[in-house]
């Protein structure tokens, strides 16, 4: 079995794939609560036990990270509690993508994993992948597996935290779909602004990508990340795959296993 970890700024998304590449367990852990290598290592052991997955069944680990300050602790935890190969998706790894970024090393490992998951599940299709986490990222991938680039804007939680931290009277709110565009209280007004403001950004960016990059060619719009589910009824995504980055990590490991 393969243990996958996507280390993001807010959460670590983890999953375990069986020998048939089926995701059989999924979990999240707050990134700022990693603590020591022992704390995180014991957490992983407890997760495996809770999901009735014997430690001896884990044959390898695949990881991608956009939080360099956590990498040493994570590597230490994994090497201390697991005696299996560790694959880290980073510069130099085989991806199956032709990255046309000015500096390919600048592309976040999570965005590469998303792209790899996309091209494996939807081969020979033009893709717009939108990952809605701490940041909302857009990636454009052609049917020829060219990673053209993308866009990054603050995610919904960052919008909310910015309002809270830089105003005197605005508060944190639950991020959810509001009943109306027009809030009848400060809390409802913030919720409406967060939700529909982001919806407007999604629609504008998708339309721009289709016009600027893909012209008249068909393109599949994939939603991923924790907040994508909020927009499942808004017709902005053709498909929502919350675990796309984990699927991409699984494929990336297979592609690079001979190097470990």
Protein backbone atom coordinates (compact mmCIF):
# COMPACT_ATOMS: atom_id res chain seq x y z
CA UNK A 1 0.00 0.00 0.00
CA UNK A 2 1.07 3.58 -0.67
CA UNK A 3 0.76 6.37 1.91
CA UNK A 4 0.43 9.82 0.29
CA UNK A 5 0.83 13.20 1.99
CA UNK A 6 0.02 16.59 0.47
CA UNK A 7 1.50 19.22 2.81
CA UNK A 8 -0.37 22.49 2.41
CA UNK A 9 -0.25 25.78 4.29
CA UNK A 10 -3.41 25.03 6.29
CA UNK A 11 -3.79 21.25 6.25
CA UNK A 12 -1.90 18.10 5.45
CA UNK A 13 -4.15 15.95 3.28
CA UNK A 14 -3.29 12.29 3.51
CA UNK A 15 -4.50 9.08 1.96
CA UNK A 16 -3.68 5.41 1.59
CA UNK A 17 -3.96 3.59 -1.74
CA UNK A 18 -4.22 -0.17 -2.02
CA UNK A 19 -2.46 -2.30 -4.63
CA UNK A 20 -5.25 -1.52 -7.11
CA UNK A 21 -4.71 2.25 -6.72
CA UNK A 22 -7.98 2.57 -4.83
CA UNK A 23 -8.07 5.22 -2.10
CA UNK A 24 -9.07 3.28 1.00
CA UNK A 25 -8.37 5.88 3.71
CA UNK A 26 -8.31 9.68 3.77
CA UNK A 27 -7.46 12.14 6.55
CA UNK A 28 -6.51 15.73 7.32
CA UNK A 29 -4.13 17.21 9.89
CA UNK A 30 -3.62 20.89 10.73
CA UNK A 31 -0.20 21.91 9.41
CA UNK A 32 0.55 24.29 12.27
CA UNK A 33 -0.04 21.44 14.77
CA UNK A 34 2.64 19.09 13.39
CA UNK A 35 4.75 19.53 16.52
CA UNK A 36 7.69 17.15 16.79
CA UNK A 37 8.60 14.28 14.50
CA UNK A 38 7.41 11.87 17.20
CA UNK A 39 4.04 13.59 17.53
CA UNK A 40 3.35 13.42 13.82
CA UNK A 41 4.72 9.91 13.49
CA UNK A 42 2.46 8.65 16.27
CA UNK A 43 -0.49 10.45 14.65
CA UNK A 44 0.12 8.52 11.42
CA UNK A 45 0.34 5.22 13.31
CA UNK A 46 -2.95 5.99 15.04
CA UNK A 47 -4.60 6.88 11.71
CA UNK A 48 -3.52 3.58 10.20
CA UNK A 49 -4.76 1.69 13.25
CA UNK A 50 -8.12 3.51 13.18
CA UNK A 51 -8.54 2.50 9.54
CA UNK A 52 -7.47 -1.11 10.26
CA UNK A 53 -4.42 -0.81 7.99
CA UNK A 54 -1.44 -2.79 9.36
CA UNK A 55 1.79 -0.81 9.42
CA UNK A 56 3.57 -3.66 7.61
CA UNK A 57 1.20 -3.20 4.66
CA UNK A 58 2.62 0.27 3.88
CA UNK A 59 5.25 -0.37 1.23
CA UNK A 60 6.14 3.22 0.27
CA UNK A 61 5.34 6.88 0.95
CA UNK A 62 4.82 9.71 -1.54
CA UNK A 63 4.82 13.34 -0.46
CA UNK A 64 4.53 16.82 -1.92
CA UNK A 65 4.96 19.98 0.12
CA UNK A 66 4.58 23.73 -0.28
CA UNK A 67 5.70 24.39 3.32
CA UNK A 68 9.52 24.09 3.40
CA UNK A 69 9.67 24.86 7.13
CA UNK A 70 7.88 21.57 7.86
CA UNK A 71 9.88 19.34 5.54
CA UNK A 72 12.68 18.37 7.95
CA UNK A 73 10.24 17.36 10.71
CA UNK A 74 8.11 15.39 8.28
CA UNK A 75 11.07 13.56 6.77
CA UNK A 76 12.34 12.74 10.25
CA UNK A 77 8.93 11.42 11.31
CA UNK A 78 8.59 9.25 8.21
CA UNK A 79 12.10 7.81 8.44
CA UNK A 80 11.69 7.12 12.17
CA UNK A 81 8.33 5.35 12.01
CA UNK A 82 8.36 3.78 8.54
CA UNK A 83 11.13 1.65 7.04
CA UNK A 84 9.96 2.13 3.45
CA UNK A 85 11.07 4.20 0.44
CA UNK A 86 10.06 7.87 0.46
CA UNK A 87 9.31 9.68 -2.80
CA UNK A 88 9.10 13.48 -2.71
CA UNK A 89 7.57 15.21 -5.72
CA UNK A 90 10.03 18.00 -6.47
CA UNK A 91 12.30 19.37 -9.16
CA UNK A 92 13.89 16.59 -11.20
CA UNK A 93 11.08 14.08 -10.76
CA UNK A 94 9.47 12.52 -13.81
CA UNK A 95 5.98 13.93 -14.33
CA UNK A 96 4.90 13.16 -17.88
CA UNK A 97 4.22 16.88 -18.32
CA UNK A 98 5.87 19.42 -20.59
CA UNK A 99 6.10 22.42 -18.28
CA UNK A 100 6.30 25.68 -20.23
CA UNK A 101 6.61 27.96 -17.19
CA UNK A 102 9.46 30.49 -17.53
CA UNK A 103 11.04 28.78 -14.53
CA UNK A 104 9.57 25.27 -14.18
CA UNK A 105 10.97 24.97 -10.64
CA UNK A 106 8.54 27.68 -9.50
CA UNK A 107 5.46 25.53 -10.11
CA UNK A 108 4.13 24.29 -6.77
CA UNK A 109 4.41 20.55 -6.19
CA UNK A 110 0.71 20.40 -5.35
CA UNK A 111 -0.17 21.96 -8.72
CA UNK A 112 2.04 19.42 -10.48
CA UNK A 113 0.32 16.60 -8.59
CA UNK A 114 -3.10 18.00 -9.56
CA UNK A 115 -2.01 18.16 -13.21
CA UNK A 116 -0.69 14.59 -13.12
CA UNK A 117 -3.93 13.36 -11.62
CA UNK A 118 -5.86 15.23 -14.30
CA UNK A 119 -3.96 13.92 -17.32
CA UNK A 120 -4.17 10.33 -16.07
CA UNK A 121 -7.90 10.43 -15.43
CA UNK A 122 -8.73 12.47 -18.53
CA UNK A 123 -6.10 11.66 -21.18
CA UNK A 124 -5.99 13.66 -24.40
CA UNK A 125 -8.28 16.37 -23.05
CA UNK A 126 -7.66 20.06 -22.48
CA UNK A 127 -7.95 20.78 -18.76
CA UNK A 128 -8.48 23.71 -16.43
CA UNK A 129 -7.77 22.52 -12.90
CA UNK A 130 -8.91 24.74 -10.03
CA UNK A 131 -7.69 23.78 -6.56
CA UNK A 132 -9.52 25.65 -3.81
CA UNK A 133 -7.51 25.52 -0.61
CA UNK A 134 -5.53 28.15 1.31
CA UNK A 135 -4.96 29.70 -2.10
CA UNK A 136 -7.19 29.17 -5.11
CA UNK A 137 -4.96 28.05 -7.97
CA UNK A 138 -5.78 27.70 -11.65
CA UNK A 139 -3.74 25.51 -14.00
CA UNK A 140 -4.07 25.11 -17.76
CA UNK A 141 -2.99 21.81 -19.31
CA UNK A 142 -3.37 20.97 -22.99
CA UNK A 143 -4.44 17.62 -24.44
CA UNK A 144 -0.76 17.18 -25.41
CA UNK A 145 0.17 17.28 -21.68
CA UNK A 146 1.66 20.76 -21.86
CA UNK A 147 1.44 22.56 -18.51
CA UNK A 148 1.03 26.13 -19.77
CA UNK A 149 0.84 27.98 -16.46
CA UNK A 150 -1.94 29.39 -14.36
CA UNK A 151 -3.15 31.92 -11.84
CA UNK A 152 -3.17 32.24 -8.06
CA UNK A 153 -5.50 34.22 -5.84
CA UNK A 154 -6.17 34.18 -2.09
CA UNK A 155 -8.49 31.41 -1.00
CA UNK A 156 -11.77 31.98 0.80
CA UNK A 157 -10.29 31.54 4.26
CA UNK A 158 -7.51 34.03 3.51
CA UNK A 159 -10.13 36.56 2.35
CA UNK A 160 -12.01 36.08 5.60
CA UNK A 161 -8.90 36.28 7.79
CA UNK A 162 -7.78 39.44 5.99
CA UNK A 163 -11.11 41.11 6.76
CA UNK A 164 -10.90 40.05 10.41
CA UNK A 165 -7.29 41.12 10.91
CA UNK A 166 -7.39 44.45 9.09
CA UNK A 167 -10.74 45.85 10.21
CA UNK A 168 -11.95 46.87 13.64
CA UNK A 169 -15.45 45.38 13.63
CA UNK A 170 -15.54 42.50 11.17
CA UNK A 171 -15.38 38.98 12.48
CA UNK A 172 -14.54 35.46 11.38
CA UNK A 173 -17.52 33.57 9.96
CA UNK A 174 -18.37 30.07 8.85
CA UNK A 175 -17.54 29.70 5.17
CA UNK A 176 -20.71 28.36 3.57
CA UNK A 177 -23.19 29.09 0.82
CA UNK A 178 -25.39 32.00 1.94
CA UNK A 179 -29.12 32.12 1.29
CA UNK A 180 -28.95 35.44 -0.57
CA UNK A 181 -26.54 37.84 -2.23
CA UNK A 182 -27.63 40.57 0.18
CA UNK A 183 -26.77 39.92 3.80
CA UNK A 184 -29.10 41.16 6.54
CA UNK A 185 -26.37 41.25 9.18
CA UNK A 186 -22.63 41.81 9.22
CA UNK A 187 -22.03 38.06 9.45
CA UNK A 188 -24.34 37.33 6.51
CA UNK A 189 -22.79 40.17 4.51
CA UNK A 190 -19.30 38.72 4.95
CA UNK A 191 -20.52 35.25 3.98
CA UNK A 192 -22.21 36.61 0.86
CA UNK A 193 -19.12 38.57 -0.13
CA UNK A 194 -16.83 35.58 0.36
CA UNK A 195 -19.01 33.11 -1.48
CA UNK A 196 -20.33 35.15 -4.37
CA UNK A 197 -17.14 37.17 -4.73
CA UNK A 198 -15.22 33.96 -5.22
CA UNK A 199 -17.90 32.63 -7.55
CA UNK A 200 -17.51 35.71 -9.72
CA UNK A 201 -13.74 35.23 -9.77
CA UNK A 202 -14.15 31.58 -10.79
CA UNK A 203 -16.49 32.41 -13.66
CA UNK A 204 -14.30 35.26 -14.94
CA UNK A 205 -11.08 33.25 -14.80
CA UNK A 206 -12.61 30.20 -16.48
CA UNK A 207 -14.05 32.35 -19.27
CA UNK A 208 -10.69 34.07 -19.73
CA UNK A 209 -8.80 30.77 -19.92
CA UNK A 210 -11.21 29.36 -22.48
CA UNK A 211 -10.91 32.46 -24.65
CA UNK A 212 -7.19 33.10 -24.27
CA UNK A 213 -5.82 29.57 -24.23
CA UNK A 214 -8.25 27.09 -25.71
CA UNK A 215 -10.31 29.25 -28.11
CA UNK A 216 -12.92 26.97 -29.71
CA UNK A 217 -11.43 23.70 -28.44
CA UNK A 218 -13.37 21.75 -25.81
CA UNK A 219 -11.95 21.92 -22.30
CA UNK A 220 -12.81 20.11 -19.09
CA UNK A 221 -12.97 22.21 -15.92
CA UNK A 222 -11.99 20.25 -12.80
CA UNK A 223 -12.61 21.48 -9.27
CA UNK A 224 -10.46 20.20 -6.43
CA UNK A 225 -9.58 21.16 -2.88
CA UNK A 226 -11.66 21.59 0.23
CA UNK A 227 -13.81 24.53 -0.85
CA UNK A 228 -14.69 23.24 -4.33
CA UNK A 229 -17.67 21.31 -2.94
CA UNK A 230 -19.34 24.61 -2.02
CA UNK A 231 -19.82 25.29 -5.73
CA UNK A 232 -21.12 21.90 -6.83
CA UNK A 233 -24.51 23.39 -7.80
CA UNK A 234 -23.17 26.52 -9.52
CA UNK A 235 -22.25 24.95 -12.89
CA UNK A 236 -18.69 26.24 -12.79
CA UNK A 237 -17.03 22.81 -12.71
CA UNK A 238 -17.58 19.91 -15.08
CA UNK A 239 -16.38 17.54 -12.38
CA UNK A 240 -15.26 17.87 -8.75
CA UNK A 241 -12.44 15.60 -7.57
CA UNK A 242 -11.52 16.48 -3.96
CA UNK A 243 -8.71 13.92 -3.90
CA UNK A 244 -7.11 14.81 -7.24
CA UNK A 245 -3.78 15.81 -5.66
CA UNK A 246 -3.54 12.44 -3.87
CA UNK A 247 -4.33 10.61 -7.10
CA UNK A 248 -1.59 12.61 -8.80
CA UNK A 249 0.88 11.71 -6.07
CA UNK A 250 0.03 8.05 -6.53
CA UNK A 251 0.76 8.29 -10.27
CA UNK A 252 3.93 10.30 -9.61
CA UNK A 253 5.24 7.61 -7.29
CA UNK A 254 4.63 4.91 -9.91
CA UNK A 255 6.45 6.97 -12.51
CA UNK A 256 9.48 7.44 -10.27
CA UNK A 257 9.56 4.21 -8.26
CA UNK A 258 12.50 2.85 -10.23
CA UNK A 259 14.63 5.76 -8.97
CA UNK A 260 14.11 5.06 -5.26
